[in-house]
Amino acid sequence: MYLLWIMLGFLPLYIITIVKSPDIWDRLLGISLLSVKVVVIMIIVASYYETSYILDIAIACTLLNFVFIIFSSHFLRERKKGGGKT
C-alpha cells in the first residue's frame, strides 16, 4: 500500500505541469502522464481488494487515453500546419 501513497504524492506534480507549462505539447504529455498514474493507482487498488471490475475500468481508461492523445496530437499538428483539407 506504500506504493499507492507514493503515486498519490506525485499526482499534484503532474497537475502543476499541466497548468504551468507554456507549450501545448508539454500539456498533452502531462495529461498522458497523469492518466497513466491514475490507471496504475486503479490497478494497485484492484489488486489490493481483489476486484476484477476495477481492472476493466482501468483498461477502458487506458484505451480512452490512447485515443485522446492520438486524436488531439493529430488535430494540433494539422492546426499548426495552417488548416485541414478545407
PDB file of N, CA and C in Angstrom:
ATOM      1  N   MET A   1       0.808  -1.199   0.000  1.00  0.00           N
ATOM      2  CA  MET A   1       0.000   0.000   0.000  1.00  0.00           C
ATOM      3  C   MET A   1       0.854   1.267   0.000  1.00  0.00           C
ATOM      4  N   TYR A   2       2.134   1.129   0.325  1.00  0.00           N
ATOM      5  CA  TYR A   2       3.003   2.303   0.305  1.00  0.00           C
ATOM      6  C   TYR A   2       3.158   2.849  -1.109  1.00  0.00           C
ATOM      7  N   LEU A   3       3.139   1.953  -2.080  1.00  0.00           N
ATOM      8  CA  LEU A   3       3.243   2.382  -3.464  1.00  0.00           C
ATOM      9  C   LEU A   3       2.073   3.273  -3.856  1.00  0.00           C
ATOM     10  N   LEU A   4       0.904   2.985  -3.330  1.00  0.00           N
ATOM     11  CA  LEU A   4      -0.272   3.813  -3.602  1.00  0.00           C
ATOM     12  C   LEU A   4      -0.071   5.227  -3.093  1.00  0.00           C
ATOM     13  N   TRP A   5       0.458   5.378  -1.901  1.00  0.00           N
ATOM     14  CA  TRP A   5       0.672   6.715  -1.342  1.00  0.00           C
ATOM     15  C   TRP A   5       1.773   7.473  -2.079  1.00  0.00           C
ATOM     16  N   ILE A   6       2.767   6.750  -2.561  1.00  0.00           N
ATOM     17  CA  ILE A   6       3.810   7.392  -3.359  1.00  0.00           C
ATOM     18  C   ILE A   6       3.223   7.902  -4.666  1.00  0.00           C
ATOM     19  N   MET A   7       2.396   7.086  -5.312  1.00  0.00           N
ATOM     20  CA  MET A   7       1.752   7.511  -6.554  1.00  0.00           C
ATOM     21  C   MET A   7       0.837   8.710  -6.323  1.00  0.00           C
ATOM     22  N   LEU A   8       0.088   8.691  -5.239  1.00  0.00           N
ATOM     23  CA  LEU A   8      -0.797   9.815  -4.931  1.00  0.00           C
ATOM     24  C   LEU A   8      -0.006  11.079  -4.625  1.00  0.00           C
ATOM     25  N   GLY A   9       1.200  10.923  -4.094  1.00  0.00           N
ATOM     26  CA  GLY A   9       2.033  12.082  -3.795  1.00  0.00           C
ATOM     27  C   GLY A   9       2.551  12.781  -5.040  1.00  0.00           C
ATOM     28  N   PHE A  10       2.717  12.023  -6.131  1.00  0.00           N
ATOM     29  CA  PHE A  10       3.227  12.617  -7.364  1.00  0.00           C
ATOM     30  C   PHE A  10       2.142  13.220  -8.243  1.00  0.00           C
ATOM     31  N   LEU A  11       0.883  12.955  -7.970  1.00  0.00           N
ATOM     32  CA  LEU A  11      -0.192  13.492  -8.808  1.00  0.00           C
ATOM     33  C   LEU A  11      -0.221  15.020  -8.854  1.00  0.00           C
ATOM     34  N   PRO A  12      -0.020  15.732  -7.732  1.00  0.00           N
ATOM     35  CA  PRO A  12      -0.012  17.207  -7.846  1.00  0.00           C
ATOM     36  C   PRO A  12       1.107  17.752  -8.727  1.00  0.00           C
ATOM     37  N   LEU A  13       2.223  17.046  -8.816  1.00  0.00           N
ATOM     38  CA  LEU A  13       3.301  17.496  -9.699  1.00  0.00           C
ATOM     39  C   LEU A  13       2.881  17.459 -11.160  1.00  0.00           C
ATOM     40  N   TYR A  14       2.133  16.424 -11.533  1.00  0.00           N
ATOM     41  CA  TYR A  14       1.656  16.342 -12.903  1.00  0.00           C
ATOM     42  C   TYR A  14       0.601  17.405 -13.181  1.00  0.00           C
ATOM     43  N   ILE A  15      -0.229  17.692 -12.210  1.00  0.00           N
ATOM     44  CA  ILE A  15      -1.242  18.741 -12.383  1.00  0.00           C
ATOM     45  C   ILE A  15      -0.567  20.100 -12.535  1.00  0.00           C
ATOM     46  N   ILE A  16       0.473  20.354 -11.758  1.00  0.00           N
ATOM     47  CA  ILE A  16       1.222  21.609 -11.899  1.00  0.00           C
ATOM     48  C   ILE A  16       1.885  21.678 -13.275  1.00  0.00           C
ATOM     49  N   THR A  17       2.394  20.559 -13.763  1.00  0.00           N
ATOM     50  CA  THR A  17       2.996  20.518 -15.092  1.00  0.00           C
ATOM     51  C   THR A  17       1.970  20.866 -16.166  1.00  0.00           C
ATOM     52  N   ILE A  18       0.762  20.354 -16.013  1.00  0.00           N
ATOM     53  CA  ILE A  18      -0.280  20.634 -16.994  1.00  0.00           C
ATOM     54  C   ILE A  18      -0.663  22.109 -16.970  1.00  0.00           C
ATOM     55  N   VAL A  19      -0.788  22.672 -15.793  1.00  0.00           N
ATOM     56  CA  VAL A  19      -1.270  24.049 -15.678  1.00  0.00           C
ATOM     57  C   VAL A  19      -0.192  25.066 -16.052  1.00  0.00           C
ATOM     58  N   LYS A  20       1.045  24.846 -15.640  1.00  0.00           N
ATOM     59  CA  LYS A  20       2.091  25.855 -15.785  1.00  0.00           C
ATOM     60  C   LYS A  20       2.927  25.739 -17.055  1.00  0.00           C
ATOM     61  N   SER A  21       2.763  24.698 -17.836  1.00  0.00           N
ATOM     62  CA  SER A  21       3.637  24.535 -18.997  1.00  0.00           C
ATOM     63  C   SER A  21       3.260  25.524 -20.098  1.00  0.00           C
ATOM     64  N   PRO A  22       4.270  26.097 -20.762  1.00  0.00           N
ATOM     65  CA  PRO A  22       3.988  27.104 -21.789  1.00  0.00           C
ATOM     66  C   PRO A  22       3.585  26.510 -23.141  1.00  0.00           C
ATOM     67  N   ASP A  23       3.965  25.273 -23.389  1.00  0.00           N
ATOM     68  CA  ASP A  23       3.739  24.661 -24.689  1.00  0.00           C
ATOM     69  C   ASP A  23       2.579  23.677 -24.615  1.00  0.00           C
ATOM     70  N   ILE A  24       1.787  23.597 -25.680  1.00  0.00           N
ATOM     71  CA  ILE A  24       0.640  22.693 -25.697  1.00  0.00           C
ATOM     72  C   ILE A  24       1.088  21.235 -25.724  1.00  0.00           C
ATOM     73  N   TRP A  25       2.262  20.972 -26.301  1.00  0.00           N
ATOM     74  CA  TRP A  25       2.756  19.593 -26.346  1.00  0.00           C
ATOM     75  C   TRP A  25       3.169  19.116 -24.954  1.00  0.00           C
ATOM     76  N   ASP A  26       3.704  20.022 -24.133  1.00  0.00           N
ATOM     77  CA  ASP A  26       4.024  19.666 -22.752  1.00  0.00           C
ATOM     78  C   ASP A  26       2.752  19.392 -21.949  1.00  0.00           C
ATOM     79  N   ARG A  27       1.717  20.149 -22.214  1.00  0.00           N
ATOM     80  CA  ARG A  27       0.437  19.910 -21.535  1.00  0.00           C
ATOM     81  C   ARG A  27      -0.146  18.566 -21.933  1.00  0.00           C
ATOM     82  N   LEU A  28      -0.042  18.239 -23.208  1.00  0.00           N
ATOM     83  CA  LEU A  28      -0.532  16.947 -23.679  1.00  0.00           C
ATOM     84  C   LEU A  28       0.249  15.802 -23.045  1.00  0.00           C
ATOM     85  N   LEU A  29       1.545  15.971 -22.910  1.00  0.00           N
ATOM     86  CA  LEU A  29       2.366  14.969 -22.236  1.00  0.00           C
ATOM     87  C   LEU A  29       1.998  14.851 -20.761  1.00  0.00           C
ATOM     88  N   GLY A  30       1.733  15.990 -20.108  1.00  0.00           N
ATOM     89  CA  GLY A  30       1.323  15.968 -18.706  1.00  0.00           C
ATOM     90  C   GLY A  30      -0.007  15.265 -18.505  1.00  0.00           C
ATOM     91  N   ILE A  31      -0.948  15.475 -19.434  1.00  0.00           N
ATOM     92  CA  ILE A  31      -2.234  14.782 -19.354  1.00  0.00           C
ATOM     93  C   ILE A  31      -2.042  13.282 -19.515  1.00  0.00           C
ATOM     94  N   SER A  32      -1.174  12.897 -20.423  1.00  0.00           N
ATOM     95  CA  SER A  32      -0.897  11.484 -20.634  1.00  0.00           C
ATOM     96  C   SER A  32      -0.260  10.854 -19.394  1.00  0.00           C
ATOM     97  N   LEU A  33       0.707  11.547 -18.807  1.00  0.00           N
ATOM     98  CA  LEU A  33       1.358  11.028 -17.593  1.00  0.00           C
ATOM     99  C   LEU A  33       0.383  10.933 -16.429  1.00  0.00           C
ATOM    100  N   LEU A  34      -0.474  11.937 -16.291  1.00  0.00           N
ATOM    101  CA  LEU A  34      -1.455  11.926 -15.217  1.00  0.00           C
ATOM    102  C   LEU A  34      -2.423  10.758 -15.372  1.00  0.00           C
ATOM    103  N   SER A  35      -2.875  10.519 -16.578  1.00  0.00           N
ATOM    104  CA  SER A  35      -3.818   9.420 -16.771  1.00  0.00           C
ATOM    105  C   SER A  35      -3.157   8.058 -16.581  1.00  0.00           C
ATOM    106  N   VAL A  36      -1.892   7.949 -16.948  1.00  0.00           N
ATOM    107  CA  VAL A  36      -1.185   6.684 -16.710  1.00  0.00           C
ATOM    108  C   VAL A  36      -1.046   6.423 -15.214  1.00  0.00           C
ATOM    109  N   LYS A  37      -0.721   7.458 -14.451  1.00  0.00           N
ATOM    110  CA  LYS A  37      -0.590   7.273 -13.000  1.00  0.00           C
ATOM    111  C   LYS A  37      -1.928   6.928 -12.359  1.00  0.00           C
ATOM    112  N   VAL A  38      -3.014   7.522 -12.850  1.00  0.00           N
ATOM    113  CA  VAL A  38      -4.338   7.193 -12.320  1.00  0.00           C
ATOM    114  C   VAL A  38      -4.687   5.735 -12.616  1.00  0.00           C
ATOM    115  N   VAL A  39      -4.340   5.272 -13.803  1.00  0.00           N
ATOM    116  CA  VAL A  39      -4.594   3.872 -14.149  1.00  0.00           C
ATOM    117  C   VAL A  39      -3.748   2.946 -13.285  1.00  0.00           C
ATOM    118  N   VAL A  40      -2.505   3.304 -13.027  1.00  0.00           N
ATOM    119  CA  VAL A  40      -1.655   2.491 -12.147  1.00  0.00           C
ATOM    120  C   VAL A  40      -2.243   2.442 -10.730  1.00  0.00           C
ATOM    121  N   ILE A  41      -2.745   3.565 -10.260  1.00  0.00           N
ATOM    122  CA  ILE A  41      -3.395   3.589  -8.936  1.00  0.00           C
ATOM    123  C   ILE A  41      -4.622   2.690  -8.935  1.00  0.00           C
ATOM    124  N   MET A  42      -5.391   2.707 -10.020  1.00  0.00           N
ATOM    125  CA  MET A  42      -6.559   1.834 -10.111  1.00  0.00           C
ATOM    126  C   MET A  42      -6.153   0.361 -10.096  1.00  0.00           C
ATOM    127  N   ILE A  43      -5.062   0.035 -10.755  1.00  0.00           N
ATOM    128  CA  ILE A  43      -4.586  -1.350 -10.768  1.00  0.00           C
ATOM    129  C   ILE A  43      -4.116  -1.771  -9.376  1.00  0.00           C
ATOM    130  N   ILE A  44      -3.439  -0.883  -8.671  1.00  0.00           N
ATOM    131  CA  ILE A  44      -2.993  -1.198  -7.310  1.00  0.00           C
ATOM    132  C   ILE A  44      -4.188  -1.436  -6.397  1.00  0.00           C
ATOM    133  N   VAL A  45      -5.192  -0.587  -6.498  1.00  0.00           N
ATOM    134  CA  VAL A  45      -6.394  -0.741  -5.665  1.00  0.00           C
ATOM    135  C   VAL A  45      -7.129  -2.029  -6.024  1.00  0.00           C
ATOM    136  N   ALA A  46      -7.202  -2.338  -7.325  1.00  0.00           N
ATOM    137  CA  ALA A  46      -7.875  -3.569  -7.748  1.00  0.00           C
ATOM    138  C   ALA A  46      -7.155  -4.815  -7.250  1.00  0.00           C
ATOM    139  N   SER A  47      -5.838  -4.779  -7.255  1.00  0.00           N
ATOM    140  CA  SER A  47      -5.113  -5.948  -6.751  1.00  0.00           C
ATOM    141  C   SER A  47      -5.191  -6.056  -5.231  1.00  0.00           C
ATOM    142  N   TYR A  48      -5.288  -4.919  -4.559  1.00  0.00           N
ATOM    143  CA  TYR A  48      -5.383  -4.945  -3.101  1.00  0.00           C
ATOM    144  C   TYR A  48      -6.735  -5.506  -2.646  1.00  0.00           C
ATOM    145  N   TYR A  49      -7.802  -5.052  -3.294  1.00  0.00           N
ATOM    146  CA  TYR A  49      -9.139  -5.506  -2.925  1.00  0.00           C
ATOM    147  C   TYR A  49      -9.604  -6.728  -3.704  1.00  0.00           C
ATOM    148  N   GLU A  50      -8.781  -7.206  -4.634  1.00  0.00           N
ATOM    149  CA  GLU A  50      -9.049  -8.395  -5.449  1.00  0.00           C
ATOM    150  C   GLU A  50     -10.386  -8.293  -6.182  1.00  0.00           C
ATOM    151  N   THR A  51     -10.572  -7.176  -6.872  1.00  0.00           N
ATOM    152  CA  THR A  51     -11.773  -6.979  -7.682  1.00  0.00           C
ATOM    153  C   THR A  51     -11.370  -6.857  -9.138  1.00  0.00           C
ATOM    154  N   SER A  52     -12.123  -7.519  -9.987  1.00  0.00           N
ATOM    155  CA  SER A  52     -11.767  -7.517 -11.408  1.00  0.00           C
ATOM    156  C   SER A  52     -12.439  -6.391 -12.172  1.00  0.00           C
ATOM    157  N   TYR A  53     -13.551  -5.878 -11.689  1.00  0.00           N
ATOM    158  CA  TYR A  53     -14.241  -4.840 -12.450  1.00  0.00           C
ATOM    159  C   TYR A  53     -13.447  -3.532 -12.462  1.00  0.00           C
ATOM    160  N   ILE A  54     -12.625  -3.287 -11.444  1.00  0.00           N
ATOM    161  CA  ILE A  54     -11.780  -2.089 -11.455  1.00  0.00           C
ATOM    162  C   ILE A  54     -10.696  -2.224 -12.522  1.00  0.00           C
ATOM    163  N   LEU A  55     -10.230  -3.440 -12.753  1.00  0.00           N
ATOM    164  CA  LEU A  55      -9.268  -3.660 -13.832  1.00  0.00           C
ATOM    165  C   LEU A  55      -9.901  -3.400 -15.191  1.00  0.00           C
ATOM    166  N   ASP A  56     -11.177  -3.783 -15.355  1.00  0.00           N
ATOM    167  CA  ASP A  56     -11.870  -3.498 -16.612  1.00  0.00           C
ATOM    168  C   ASP A  56     -11.989  -1.995 -16.841  1.00  0.00           C
ATOM    169  N   ILE A  57     -12.285  -1.260 -15.790  1.00  0.00           N
ATOM    170  CA  ILE A  57     -12.379   0.194 -15.892  1.00  0.00           C
ATOM    171  C   ILE A  57     -11.010   0.787 -16.218  1.00  0.00           C
ATOM    172  N   ALA A  58      -9.957   0.239 -15.630  1.00  0.00           N
ATOM    173  CA  ALA A  58      -8.599   0.727 -15.911  1.00  0.00           C
ATOM    174  C   ALA A  58      -8.215   0.491 -17.368  1.00  0.00           C
ATOM    175  N   ILE A  59      -8.588  -0.656 -17.920  1.00  0.00           N
ATOM    176  CA  ILE A  59      -8.308  -0.929 -19.324  1.00  0.00           C
ATOM    177  C   ILE A  59      -9.068   0.031 -20.220  1.00  0.00           C
ATOM    178  N   ALA A  60     -10.321   0.292 -19.892  1.00  0.00           N
ATOM    179  CA  ALA A  60     -11.121   1.233 -20.681  1.00  0.00           C
ATOM    180  C   ALA A  60     -10.533   2.643 -20.605  1.00  0.00           C
ATOM    181  N   CYS A  61     -10.089   3.048 -19.424  1.00  0.00           N
ATOM    182  CA  CYS A  61      -9.468   4.373 -19.278  1.00  0.00           C
ATOM    183  C   CYS A  61      -8.176   4.475 -20.074  1.00  0.00           C
ATOM    184  N   THR A  62      -7.408   3.406 -20.112  1.00  0.00           N
ATOM    185  CA  THR A  62      -6.172   3.397 -20.879  1.00  0.00           C
ATOM    186  C   THR A  62      -6.449   3.533 -22.376  1.00  0.00           C
ATOM    187  N   LEU A  63      -7.440   2.812 -22.858  1.00  0.00           N
ATOM    188  CA  LEU A  63      -7.783   2.914 -24.266  1.00  0.00           C
ATOM    189  C   LEU A  63      -8.318   4.300 -24.621  1.00  0.00           C
ATOM    190  N   LEU A  64      -9.147   4.868 -23.755  1.00  0.00           N
ATOM    191  CA  LEU A  64      -9.658   6.219 -23.994  1.00  0.00           C
ATOM    192  C   LEU A  64      -8.526   7.244 -23.995  1.00  0.00           C
ATOM    193  N   ASN A  65      -7.578   7.081 -23.083  1.00  0.00           N
ATOM    194  CA  ASN A  65      -6.430   7.989 -23.048  1.00  0.00           C
ATOM    195  C   ASN A  65      -5.613   7.884 -24.332  1.00  0.00           C
ATOM    196  N   PHE A  66      -5.394   6.691 -24.808  1.00  0.00           N
ATOM    197  CA  PHE A  66      -4.628   6.492 -26.032  1.00  0.00           C
ATOM    198  C   PHE A  66      -5.314   7.166 -27.209  1.00  0.00           C
ATOM    199  N   VAL A  67      -6.609   6.964 -27.344  1.00  0.00           N
ATOM    200  CA  VAL A  67      -7.360   7.569 -28.448  1.00  0.00           C
ATOM    201  C   VAL A  67      -7.355   9.089 -28.328  1.00  0.00           C
ATOM    202  N   PHE A  68      -7.510   9.609 -27.104  1.00  0.00           N
ATOM    203  CA  PHE A  68      -7.495  11.053 -26.898  1.00  0.00           C
ATOM    204  C   PHE A  68      -6.152  11.658 -27.300  1.00  0.00           C
ATOM    205  N   ILE A  69      -5.073  11.049 -26.914  1.00  0.00           N
ATOM    206  CA  ILE A  69      -3.748  11.577 -27.236  1.00  0.00           C
ATOM    207  C   ILE A  69      -3.491  11.528 -28.742  1.00  0.00           C
ATOM    208  N   ILE A  70      -3.869  10.443 -29.398  1.00  0.00           N
ATOM    209  CA  ILE A  70      -3.669  10.327 -30.842  1.00  0.00           C
ATOM    210  C   ILE A  70      -4.483  11.380 -31.588  1.00  0.00           C
ATOM    211  N   PHE A  71      -5.765  11.511 -31.251  1.00  0.00           N
ATOM    212  CA  PHE A  71      -6.610  12.477 -31.956  1.00  0.00           C
ATOM    213  C   PHE A  71      -6.210  13.916 -31.676  1.00  0.00           C
ATOM    214  N   SER A  72      -5.893  14.214 -30.438  1.00  0.00           N
ATOM    215  CA  SER A  72      -5.536  15.596 -30.125  1.00  0.00           C
ATOM    216  C   SER A  72      -4.191  15.975 -30.733  1.00  0.00           C
ATOM    217  N   SER A  73      -3.230  15.059 -30.763  1.00  0.00           N
ATOM    218  CA  SER A  73      -1.952  15.388 -31.393  1.00  0.00           C
ATOM    219  C   SER A  73      -2.111  15.537 -32.907  1.00  0.00           C
ATOM    220  N   HIS A  74      -2.960  14.727 -33.508  1.00  0.00           N
ATOM    221  CA  HIS A  74      -3.221  14.879 -34.936  1.00  0.00           C
ATOM    222  C   HIS A  74      -3.904  16.210 -35.224  1.00  0.00           C
ATOM    223  N   PHE A  75      -4.884  16.579 -34.400  1.00  0.00           N
ATOM    224  CA  PHE A  75      -5.584  17.844 -34.577  1.00  0.00           C
ATOM    225  C   PHE A  75      -4.636  19.028 -34.393  1.00  0.00           C
ATOM    226  N   LEU A  76      -3.787  18.967 -33.399  1.00  0.00           N
ATOM    227  CA  LEU A  76      -2.856  20.069 -33.148  1.00  0.00           C
ATOM    228  C   LEU A  76      -1.811  20.185 -34.254  1.00  0.00           C
ATOM    229  N   ARG A  77      -1.375  19.068 -34.786  1.00  0.00           N
ATOM    230  CA  ARG A  77      -0.402  19.104 -35.881  1.00  0.00           C
ATOM    231  C   ARG A  77      -1.020  19.713 -37.133  1.00  0.00           C
ATOM    232  N   GLU A  78      -2.263  19.326 -37.437  1.00  0.00           N
ATOM    233  CA  GLU A  78      -2.942  19.892 -38.599  1.00  0.00           C
ATOM    234  C   GLU A  78      -3.221  21.373 -38.400  1.00  0.00           C
ATOM    235  N   ARG A  79      -3.541  21.761 -37.198  1.00  0.00           N
ATOM    236  CA  ARG A  79      -3.810  23.163 -36.903  1.00  0.00           C
ATOM    237  C   ARG A  79      -2.544  23.998 -37.045  1.00  0.00           C
ATOM    238  N   LYS A  80      -1.410  23.415 -36.658  1.00  0.00           N
ATOM    239  CA  LYS A  80      -0.135  24.122 -36.762  1.00  0.00           C
ATOM    240  C   LYS A  80       0.274  24.303 -38.226  1.00  0.00           C
ATOM    241  N   LYS A  81      -0.078  23.349 -39.071  1.00  0.00           N
ATOM    242  CA  LYS A  81       0.254  23.451 -40.495  1.00  0.00           C
ATOM    243  C   LYS A  81      -0.517  24.587 -41.165  1.00  0.00           C
ATOM    244  N   GLY A  82      -1.651  24.941 -40.625  1.00  0.00           N
ATOM    245  CA  GLY A  82      -2.403  26.042 -41.215  1.00  0.00           C
ATOM    246  C   GLY A  82      -3.773  25.639 -41.714  1.00  0.00           C
ATOM    247  N   GLY A  83      -4.276  24.575 -41.194  1.00  0.00           N
ATOM    248  CA  GLY A  83      -5.627  24.192 -41.572  1.00  0.00           C
ATOM    249  C   GLY A  83      -5.697  22.755 -42.018  1.00  0.00           C
ATOM    250  N   GLY A  84      -6.908  22.358 -42.255  1.00  0.00           N
ATOM    251  CA  GLY A  84      -7.144  20.987 -42.693  1.00  0.00           C
ATOM    252  C   GLY A  84      -7.286  20.904 -44.193  1.00  0.00           C
ATOM    253  N   LYS A  85      -8.192  20.079 -44.659  1.00  0.00           N
ATOM    254  CA  LYS A  85      -8.387  19.847 -46.069  1.00  0.00           C
ATOM    255  C   LYS A  85      -9.326  20.867 -46.694  1.00  0.00           C
ATOM    256  N   THR A  86      -9.963  21.703 -45.911  1.00  0.00           N
ATOM    257  CA  THR A  86     -10.925  22.648 -46.461  1.00  0.00           C
ATOM    258  C   THR A  86     -10.269  23.913 -46.974  1.00  0.00           C
TER     259      THR A  86
END
